[in-house]
Structures are given as C-alpha cells and as structure tokens.
Amino acid sequence: MSNPFLEYGAKVTPWIAKKKARAAEREQSRAQQKAVTKALQERDLLMRLWKRWHKDNVKAELEGAYQQELQALINFLNAMKLEDERKLLKFVLAGPWVAAPSEVRYLVLRLISTKQASLREKAELPPFDDPLPGAPLNTYLTIRNKFMEKTHAG
C-alpha cells in the first residue's frame, strides 16, 4: 500500500526543490567518499611508517651487542618451514635471548610471530593458533613465557 500524501507531495514538489535535494544527496555522498578515502590513506601511511620503523629497528639491533645471534635467528627464520617449529623452539631457547634486554626480546618475538603467521597463511591456515585453556602451549607462547619469566624475575 502506498501513501497517497507522499505521492501527491512528489507530484506537486517544484522541480527546483527536487534538483536541490538530489544535489545535496550527491554532495553528502562525495563527502562520505572523501572521508573514507582519507581514512584509508591515513591507515596506509601509518602502516608504511610502522614498517619503516620495524626495518630501522632490526637494522639498529643488527649493529648492536646481539648482532651475530640476531643474524643467525633471521637466517633460521628465512629458511624455516611450518613443520620446523620444534627446531625454532630449541634454537631460540639455546640462544642468549632469555637474558637479553626487553627491547631485544620484543624484537625476537615480533620476528617469530611475523614469520609464523606468514607460514600459516601460506598453508591456508589461520595466522594464529592459540590453544584453548588447559591445552599445551604452542611454540610462540612457550617462547614468550620463557621471556616473561626473565621480566618478572628481575
């Protein structure tokens, strides 16, 4: 059922009012599109800046006290396959990372997390596989907990 009042209103509304209403709708649509575009550009800029910061951070640490160990870890991660998580756990726990400063441990965790997520996505798996409560911890959480023990211990 249609509304006769709306139908009559549409018939008697002057064409200039209809034209102005359509122009206002188009302007509002353009403003919304501009806002969305601006938000996407800002997001992309922040992502580029974060990636640059991350790369600079890795470069700075590669020139620091853990230069050789960090390069060895990066080489291991570059050659790593999804089924090498046990090797990764042994490699990291055998290294100096637990006693390293918190910035270095954070960098190591970030590199490991990024690599694991990338490998899982390539295998068409969800990027993260956090276990349910009571289940055994995954490789990343085991390493993180070892790092956290150092933080809480002193």
N, C-alpha and C. Protein backbone atom coordinates (compact mmCIF):
# COMPACT_ATOMS: atom_id res chain seq x y z
N MET A 1 0.84 -1.17 0.00
CA MET A 1 0.00 0.00 0.00
C MET A 1 0.89 1.23 0.00
N SER A 2 0.59 2.12 -0.88
CA SER A 2 1.37 3.35 -0.97
C SER A 2 0.69 4.46 -0.19
N ASN A 3 1.44 5.47 0.12
CA ASN A 3 0.94 6.60 0.89
C ASN A 3 0.50 7.68 -0.09
N PRO A 4 -0.80 8.00 -0.16
CA PRO A 4 -1.27 8.99 -1.13
C PRO A 4 -0.70 10.39 -0.85
N PHE A 5 -0.42 10.69 0.39
CA PHE A 5 0.13 12.01 0.71
C PHE A 5 1.54 12.18 0.14
N LEU A 6 2.35 11.09 0.24
CA LEU A 6 3.70 11.15 -0.32
C LEU A 6 3.65 11.24 -1.85
N GLU A 7 2.73 10.50 -2.44
CA GLU A 7 2.59 10.55 -3.89
C GLU A 7 2.19 11.96 -4.34
N TYR A 8 1.24 12.56 -3.65
CA TYR A 8 0.80 13.91 -4.00
C TYR A 8 1.94 14.91 -3.78
N GLY A 9 2.67 14.73 -2.67
CA GLY A 9 3.80 15.62 -2.40
C GLY A 9 4.85 15.54 -3.48
N ALA A 10 5.11 14.33 -3.98
CA ALA A 10 6.10 14.16 -5.05
C ALA A 10 5.64 14.82 -6.34
N LYS A 11 4.32 14.82 -6.59
CA LYS A 11 3.79 15.44 -7.81
C LYS A 11 3.87 16.95 -7.74
N VAL A 12 3.59 17.52 -6.59
CA VAL A 12 3.49 18.98 -6.51
C VAL A 12 4.80 19.66 -6.09
N THR A 13 5.83 18.86 -5.70
CA THR A 13 7.11 19.47 -5.33
C THR A 13 7.71 20.09 -6.59
N PRO A 14 8.12 21.36 -6.49
CA PRO A 14 8.70 22.01 -7.66
C PRO A 14 9.98 21.31 -8.10
N TRP A 15 10.25 21.35 -9.38
CA TRP A 15 11.42 20.67 -9.92
C TRP A 15 12.71 21.23 -9.34
N ILE A 16 12.73 22.51 -9.02
CA ILE A 16 13.96 23.10 -8.48
C ILE A 16 14.26 22.53 -7.10
N ALA A 17 13.22 22.26 -6.29
CA ALA A 17 13.44 21.66 -4.97
C ALA A 17 13.97 20.23 -5.11
N LYS A 18 13.42 19.50 -6.09
CA LYS A 18 13.91 18.14 -6.33
C LYS A 18 15.37 18.17 -6.77
N LYS A 19 15.71 19.13 -7.61
CA LYS A 19 17.07 19.26 -8.11
C LYS A 19 18.03 19.57 -6.96
N LYS A 20 17.62 20.49 -6.07
CA LYS A 20 18.45 20.83 -4.92
C LYS A 20 18.62 19.64 -3.98
N ALA A 21 17.57 18.87 -3.80
CA ALA A 21 17.64 17.70 -2.92
C ALA A 21 18.61 16.66 -3.49
N ARG A 22 18.55 16.44 -4.81
CA ARG A 22 19.45 15.48 -5.45
C ARG A 22 20.89 15.97 -5.35
N ALA A 23 21.11 17.29 -5.53
CA ALA A 23 22.46 17.85 -5.42
C ALA A 23 23.00 17.70 -4.00
N ALA A 24 22.15 17.90 -3.02
CA ALA A 24 22.56 17.75 -1.63
C ALA A 24 22.92 16.29 -1.33
N GLU A 25 22.16 15.34 -1.87
CA GLU A 25 22.47 13.92 -1.68
C GLU A 25 23.80 13.56 -2.32
N ARG A 26 24.05 14.10 -3.54
CA ARG A 26 25.32 13.83 -4.21
C ARG A 26 26.49 14.41 -3.42
N GLU A 27 26.31 15.61 -2.89
CA GLU A 27 27.37 16.26 -2.11
C GLU A 27 27.66 15.46 -0.84
N GLN A 28 26.61 14.98 -0.20
CA GLN A 28 26.79 14.17 1.01
C GLN A 28 27.52 12.87 0.66
N SER A 29 27.17 12.27 -0.46
CA SER A 29 27.83 11.05 -0.89
C SER A 29 29.31 11.30 -1.17
N ARG A 30 29.62 12.42 -1.85
CA ARG A 30 31.02 12.78 -2.13
C ARG A 30 31.79 13.00 -0.84
N ALA A 31 31.17 13.67 0.12
CA ALA A 31 31.82 13.93 1.40
C ALA A 31 32.13 12.61 2.12
N GLN A 32 31.20 11.68 2.07
CA GLN A 32 31.42 10.38 2.70
C GLN A 32 32.55 9.64 2.00
N GLN A 33 32.57 9.69 0.67
CA GLN A 33 33.64 9.03 -0.08
C GLN A 33 34.99 9.66 0.25
N LYS A 34 35.04 10.99 0.36
CA LYS A 34 36.29 11.66 0.72
C LYS A 34 36.76 11.24 2.10
N ALA A 35 35.83 11.14 3.04
CA ALA A 35 36.19 10.74 4.41
C ALA A 35 36.75 9.32 4.42
N VAL A 36 36.13 8.43 3.66
CA VAL A 36 36.60 7.04 3.60
C VAL A 36 37.98 6.99 2.95
N THR A 37 38.15 7.73 1.86
CA THR A 37 39.43 7.76 1.17
C THR A 37 40.53 8.31 2.08
N LYS A 38 40.22 9.38 2.80
CA LYS A 38 41.19 9.97 3.71
C LYS A 38 41.57 8.99 4.81
N ALA A 39 40.60 8.29 5.36
CA ALA A 39 40.87 7.31 6.41
C ALA A 39 41.76 6.18 5.89
N LEU A 40 41.50 5.72 4.67
CA LEU A 40 42.33 4.66 4.08
C LEU A 40 43.74 5.15 3.83
N GLN A 41 43.88 6.39 3.35
CA GLN A 41 45.22 6.95 3.12
C GLN A 41 45.99 7.09 4.43
N GLU A 42 45.31 7.52 5.49
CA GLU A 42 45.96 7.63 6.79
C GLU A 42 46.39 6.26 7.31
N ARG A 43 45.52 5.28 7.13
CA ARG A 43 45.86 3.93 7.56
C ARG A 43 47.08 3.41 6.81
N ASP A 44 47.10 3.63 5.48
CA ASP A 44 48.23 3.18 4.68
C ASP A 44 49.52 3.89 5.08
N LEU A 45 49.43 5.18 5.36
CA LEU A 45 50.60 5.93 5.80
C LEU A 45 51.13 5.39 7.12
N LEU A 46 50.23 5.15 8.07
CA LEU A 46 50.66 4.61 9.36
C LEU A 46 51.30 3.24 9.19
N MET A 47 50.77 2.42 8.30
CA MET A 47 51.35 1.10 8.07
C MET A 47 52.75 1.22 7.46
N ARG A 48 52.91 2.12 6.49
CA ARG A 48 54.23 2.33 5.90
C ARG A 48 55.22 2.83 6.93
N LEU A 49 54.79 3.76 7.79
CA LEU A 49 55.67 4.28 8.84
C LEU A 49 56.04 3.18 9.83
N TRP A 50 55.08 2.33 10.20
CA TRP A 50 55.37 1.25 11.14
C TRP A 50 56.35 0.27 10.52
N LYS A 51 56.14 -0.07 9.24
CA LYS A 51 57.05 -0.99 8.58
C LYS A 51 58.46 -0.41 8.50
N ARG A 52 58.56 0.89 8.21
CA ARG A 52 59.88 1.55 8.16
C ARG A 52 60.53 1.52 9.55
N TRP A 53 59.72 1.81 10.59
CA TRP A 53 60.26 1.79 11.94
C TRP A 53 60.75 0.39 12.30
N HIS A 54 59.96 -0.62 11.93
CA HIS A 54 60.34 -2.01 12.19
C HIS A 54 61.65 -2.34 11.50
N LYS A 55 61.78 -1.97 10.23
CA LYS A 55 63.00 -2.25 9.48
C LYS A 55 64.19 -1.52 10.09
N ASP A 56 64.01 -0.26 10.48
CA ASP A 56 65.09 0.50 11.12
C ASP A 56 65.46 -0.11 12.47
N ASN A 57 64.48 -0.60 13.19
CA ASN A 57 64.72 -1.24 14.47
C ASN A 57 65.56 -2.50 14.30
N VAL A 58 65.23 -3.30 13.32
CA VAL A 58 66.01 -4.52 13.04
C VAL A 58 67.43 -4.14 12.65
N LYS A 59 67.58 -3.13 11.79
CA LYS A 59 68.93 -2.69 11.37
C LYS A 59 69.74 -2.24 12.58
N ALA A 60 69.12 -1.47 13.46
CA ALA A 60 69.84 -0.96 14.63
C ALA A 60 70.28 -2.12 15.53
N GLU A 61 69.41 -3.10 15.73
CA GLU A 61 69.78 -4.24 16.57
C GLU A 61 70.83 -5.11 15.90
N LEU A 62 70.83 -5.14 14.56
CA LEU A 62 71.86 -5.90 13.85
C LEU A 62 73.24 -5.26 13.99
N GLU A 63 73.28 -4.04 14.44
CA GLU A 63 74.56 -3.36 14.68
C GLU A 63 74.90 -3.35 16.17
N GLY A 64 74.06 -3.98 16.98
CA GLY A 64 74.22 -3.94 18.43
C GLY A 64 74.96 -5.15 18.98
N ALA A 65 74.79 -5.36 20.28
CA ALA A 65 75.51 -6.41 21.00
C ALA A 65 75.11 -7.81 20.56
N TYR A 66 73.90 -7.98 20.06
CA TYR A 66 73.41 -9.31 19.67
C TYR A 66 73.44 -9.50 18.15
N GLN A 67 74.38 -8.85 17.52
CA GLN A 67 74.47 -8.82 16.05
C GLN A 67 74.52 -10.23 15.46
N GLN A 68 75.46 -11.04 15.88
CA GLN A 68 75.63 -12.37 15.28
C GLN A 68 74.45 -13.28 15.59
N GLU A 69 73.99 -13.24 16.83
CA GLU A 69 72.87 -14.11 17.22
C GLU A 69 71.59 -13.73 16.49
N LEU A 70 71.37 -12.42 16.35
CA LEU A 70 70.17 -11.95 15.66
C LEU A 70 70.23 -12.31 14.18
N GLN A 71 71.40 -12.18 13.57
CA GLN A 71 71.54 -12.54 12.16
C GLN A 71 71.30 -14.04 11.98
N ALA A 72 71.80 -14.84 12.92
CA ALA A 72 71.58 -16.29 12.85
C ALA A 72 70.08 -16.60 12.97
N LEU A 73 69.39 -15.91 13.86
CA LEU A 73 67.95 -16.11 14.02
C LEU A 73 67.21 -15.73 12.73
N ILE A 74 67.57 -14.59 12.16
CA ILE A 74 66.92 -14.14 10.91
C ILE A 74 67.16 -15.16 9.80
N ASN A 75 68.38 -15.67 9.70
CA ASN A 75 68.69 -16.69 8.68
C ASN A 75 67.86 -17.95 8.93
N PHE A 76 67.74 -18.35 10.19
CA PHE A 76 66.93 -19.52 10.52
C PHE A 76 65.48 -19.29 10.13
N LEU A 77 64.94 -18.12 10.47
CA LEU A 77 63.55 -17.82 10.16
C LEU A 77 63.32 -17.76 8.65
N ASN A 78 64.29 -17.23 7.91
CA ASN A 78 64.14 -17.16 6.45
C ASN A 78 64.08 -18.55 5.82
N ALA A 79 64.79 -19.52 6.41
CA ALA A 79 64.81 -20.88 5.87
C ALA A 79 63.72 -21.76 6.50
N MET A 80 63.05 -21.26 7.50
CA MET A 80 62.10 -22.05 8.28
C MET A 80 60.87 -22.46 7.47
N LYS A 81 60.40 -23.67 7.78
CA LYS A 81 59.15 -24.17 7.22
C LYS A 81 58.18 -24.35 8.38
N LEU A 82 56.92 -24.52 8.08
CA LEU A 82 55.89 -24.63 9.10
C LEU A 82 56.15 -25.79 10.07
N GLU A 83 56.70 -26.87 9.57
CA GLU A 83 56.94 -28.04 10.44
C GLU A 83 58.22 -27.90 11.27
N ASP A 84 58.94 -26.79 11.15
CA ASP A 84 60.19 -26.58 11.89
C ASP A 84 59.99 -25.87 13.23
N GLU A 85 58.80 -25.85 13.76
CA GLU A 85 58.55 -25.10 14.99
C GLU A 85 59.31 -25.67 16.18
N ARG A 86 59.46 -26.98 16.27
CA ARG A 86 60.24 -27.58 17.36
C ARG A 86 61.71 -27.13 17.27
N LYS A 87 62.23 -27.11 16.04
CA LYS A 87 63.61 -26.64 15.84
C LYS A 87 63.73 -25.17 16.26
N LEU A 88 62.72 -24.39 15.94
CA LEU A 88 62.73 -22.97 16.32
C LEU A 88 62.77 -22.84 17.84
N LEU A 89 61.95 -23.60 18.51
CA LEU A 89 61.92 -23.55 19.97
C LEU A 89 63.29 -23.89 20.55
N LYS A 90 63.91 -24.96 20.08
CA LYS A 90 65.25 -25.33 20.55
C LYS A 90 66.26 -24.25 20.23
N PHE A 91 66.18 -23.71 19.01
CA PHE A 91 67.13 -22.68 18.57
C PHE A 91 67.05 -21.44 19.46
N VAL A 92 65.84 -20.99 19.71
CA VAL A 92 65.66 -19.76 20.50
C VAL A 92 66.04 -19.98 21.96
N LEU A 93 65.61 -21.09 22.53
CA LEU A 93 65.92 -21.34 23.94
C LEU A 93 67.40 -21.62 24.18
N ALA A 94 68.11 -22.06 23.16
CA ALA A 94 69.56 -22.28 23.27
C ALA A 94 70.34 -20.97 23.13
N GLY A 95 69.69 -19.94 22.61
CA GLY A 95 70.36 -18.66 22.37
C GLY A 95 70.37 -17.78 23.61
N PRO A 96 70.92 -16.59 23.46
CA PRO A 96 71.06 -15.67 24.59
C PRO A 96 69.82 -14.82 24.86
N TRP A 97 68.71 -15.16 24.25
CA TRP A 97 67.56 -14.25 24.24
C TRP A 97 66.90 -14.09 25.60
N VAL A 98 66.87 -15.13 26.40
CA VAL A 98 66.19 -15.03 27.69
C VAL A 98 66.86 -13.99 28.57
N ALA A 99 68.18 -13.84 28.45
CA ALA A 99 68.92 -12.87 29.26
C ALA A 99 69.07 -11.52 28.57
N ALA A 100 68.56 -11.39 27.36
CA ALA A 100 68.71 -10.15 26.59
C ALA A 100 67.81 -9.06 27.15
N PRO A 101 68.11 -7.79 26.82
CA PRO A 101 67.23 -6.69 27.23
C PRO A 101 65.83 -6.86 26.64
N SER A 102 64.86 -6.23 27.26
CA SER A 102 63.47 -6.40 26.84
C SER A 102 63.24 -5.96 25.40
N GLU A 103 63.95 -4.93 24.93
CA GLU A 103 63.75 -4.49 23.54
C GLU A 103 64.17 -5.58 22.56
N VAL A 104 65.25 -6.28 22.88
CA VAL A 104 65.74 -7.34 22.00
C VAL A 104 64.78 -8.53 22.05
N ARG A 105 64.32 -8.88 23.24
CA ARG A 105 63.35 -9.99 23.35
C ARG A 105 62.08 -9.66 22.58
N TYR A 106 61.62 -8.41 22.68
CA TYR A 106 60.42 -8.00 21.94
C TYR A 106 60.65 -8.13 20.44
N LEU A 107 61.82 -7.72 19.97
CA LEU A 107 62.14 -7.83 18.55
C LEU A 107 62.14 -9.30 18.13
N VAL A 108 62.74 -10.16 18.93
CA VAL A 108 62.77 -11.59 18.61
C VAL A 108 61.35 -12.15 18.53
N LEU A 109 60.52 -11.81 19.51
CA LEU A 109 59.13 -12.29 19.49
C LEU A 109 58.38 -11.77 18.27
N ARG A 110 58.62 -10.52 17.92
CA ARG A 110 57.94 -9.94 16.75
C ARG A 110 58.37 -10.65 15.47
N LEU A 111 59.67 -10.91 15.33
CA LEU A 111 60.16 -11.61 14.14
C LEU A 111 59.57 -13.01 14.05
N ILE A 112 59.53 -13.71 15.19
CA ILE A 112 59.00 -15.07 15.21
C ILE A 112 57.50 -15.06 14.88
N SER A 113 56.77 -14.18 15.51
CA SER A 113 55.32 -14.10 15.28
C SER A 113 55.01 -13.80 13.83
N THR A 114 55.72 -12.84 13.27
CA THR A 114 55.50 -12.46 11.87
C THR A 114 55.77 -13.64 10.94
N LYS A 115 56.88 -14.34 11.18
CA LYS A 115 57.23 -15.48 10.32
C LYS A 115 56.21 -16.60 10.46
N GLN A 116 55.82 -16.92 11.69
CA GLN A 116 54.85 -18.00 11.89
C GLN A 116 53.51 -17.66 11.24
N ALA A 117 53.05 -16.44 11.40
CA ALA A 117 51.78 -16.05 10.79
C ALA A 117 51.87 -16.14 9.27
N SER A 118 52.98 -15.72 8.73
CA SER A 118 53.18 -15.78 7.27
C SER A 118 53.16 -17.23 6.78
N LEU A 119 53.88 -18.10 7.47
CA LEU A 119 53.90 -19.52 7.07
C LEU A 119 52.52 -20.15 7.17
N ARG A 120 51.79 -19.83 8.23
CA ARG A 120 50.45 -20.39 8.40
C ARG A 120 49.50 -19.89 7.31
N GLU A 121 49.59 -18.61 6.98
CA GLU A 121 48.72 -18.08 5.92
C GLU A 121 49.04 -18.72 4.57
N LYS A 122 50.32 -18.95 4.29
CA LYS A 122 50.69 -19.61 3.03
C LYS A 122 50.14 -21.03 2.97
N ALA A 123 50.02 -21.66 4.13
CA ALA A 123 49.46 -23.01 4.20
C ALA A 123 47.94 -22.99 4.30
N GLU A 124 47.35 -21.80 4.11
CA GLU A 124 45.90 -21.59 4.17
C GLU A 124 45.32 -21.98 5.53
N LEU A 125 46.07 -21.65 6.58
CA LEU A 125 45.63 -21.84 7.96
C LEU A 125 45.39 -20.46 8.57
N PRO A 126 44.66 -20.39 9.66
CA PRO A 126 44.53 -19.10 10.34
C PRO A 126 45.93 -18.63 10.79
N PRO A 127 46.20 -17.34 10.79
CA PRO A 127 47.55 -16.87 11.12
C PRO A 127 47.99 -17.19 12.54
N PHE A 128 47.06 -17.35 13.45
CA PHE A 128 47.41 -17.63 14.85
C PHE A 128 46.68 -18.89 15.30
N ASP A 129 47.33 -19.66 16.16
CA ASP A 129 46.73 -20.91 16.63
C ASP A 129 46.84 -21.03 18.14
N ASP A 130 46.42 -20.01 18.85
CA ASP A 130 46.50 -20.04 20.31
C ASP A 130 45.66 -21.19 20.85
N PRO A 131 46.22 -21.94 21.78
CA PRO A 131 45.50 -23.10 22.30
C PRO A 131 44.39 -22.70 23.26
N LEU A 132 43.45 -23.60 23.45
CA LEU A 132 42.38 -23.40 24.41
C LEU A 132 42.95 -23.54 25.82
N PRO A 133 42.29 -22.98 26.82
CA PRO A 133 42.77 -23.12 28.20
C PRO A 133 42.93 -24.59 28.57
N GLY A 134 44.06 -24.90 29.19
CA GLY A 134 44.34 -26.27 29.60
C GLY A 134 45.09 -27.08 28.57
N ALA A 135 45.11 -26.63 27.32
CA ALA A 135 45.84 -27.35 26.26
C ALA A 135 47.31 -26.94 26.31
N PRO A 136 48.19 -27.76 25.75
CA PRO A 136 49.61 -27.40 25.73
C PRO A 136 49.83 -26.10 24.93
N LEU A 137 50.82 -25.34 25.37
CA LEU A 137 51.12 -24.07 24.69
C LEU A 137 51.75 -24.32 23.33
N ASN A 138 51.51 -23.41 22.40
CA ASN A 138 52.17 -23.50 21.10
C ASN A 138 53.59 -22.94 21.22
N THR A 139 54.35 -22.99 20.15
CA THR A 139 55.75 -22.58 20.16
C THR A 139 55.91 -21.13 20.57
N TYR A 140 55.15 -20.26 19.96
CA TYR A 140 55.28 -18.83 20.26
C TYR A 140 55.00 -18.55 21.73
N LEU A 141 53.93 -19.09 22.26
CA LEU A 141 53.57 -18.83 23.66
C LEU A 141 54.60 -19.43 24.62
N THR A 142 55.19 -20.56 24.27
CA THR A 142 56.24 -21.15 25.09
C THR A 142 57.44 -20.21 25.15
N ILE A 143 57.85 -19.69 24.00
CA ILE A 143 58.98 -18.75 23.96
C ILE A 143 58.63 -17.48 24.72
N ARG A 144 57.45 -16.96 24.49
CA ARG A 144 57.04 -15.72 25.17
C ARG A 144 57.04 -15.90 26.69
N ASN A 145 56.54 -17.03 27.14
CA ASN A 145 56.51 -17.27 28.58
C ASN A 145 57.92 -17.36 29.17
N LYS A 146 58.85 -17.97 28.44
CA LYS A 146 60.24 -18.01 28.90
C LYS A 146 60.81 -16.60 29.00
N PHE A 147 60.50 -15.77 28.02
CA PHE A 147 60.96 -14.38 28.03
C PHE A 147 60.34 -13.61 29.18
N MET A 148 59.06 -13.89 29.45
CA MET A 148 58.35 -13.18 30.52
C MET A 148 58.88 -13.58 31.89
N GLU A 149 59.31 -14.82 32.04
CA GLU A 149 59.88 -15.25 33.32
C GLU A 149 61.05 -14.36 33.70
N LYS A 150 61.86 -14.01 32.72
CA LYS A 150 63.01 -13.13 32.96
C LYS A 150 62.53 -11.76 33.38
N THR A 151 61.48 -11.26 32.73
CA THR A 151 60.95 -9.93 33.03
C THR A 151 60.42 -9.88 34.46
N HIS A 152 59.68 -10.90 34.84
CA HIS A 152 59.10 -10.92 36.18
C HIS A 152 60.10 -11.28 37.25
N ALA A 153 61.15 -11.99 36.88
CA ALA A 153 62.17 -12.40 37.86
C ALA A 153 63.09 -11.24 38.20
N GLY A 154 63.22 -10.29 37.32
CA GLY A 154 64.14 -9.20 37.63
C GLY A 154 64.36 -8.44 36.43
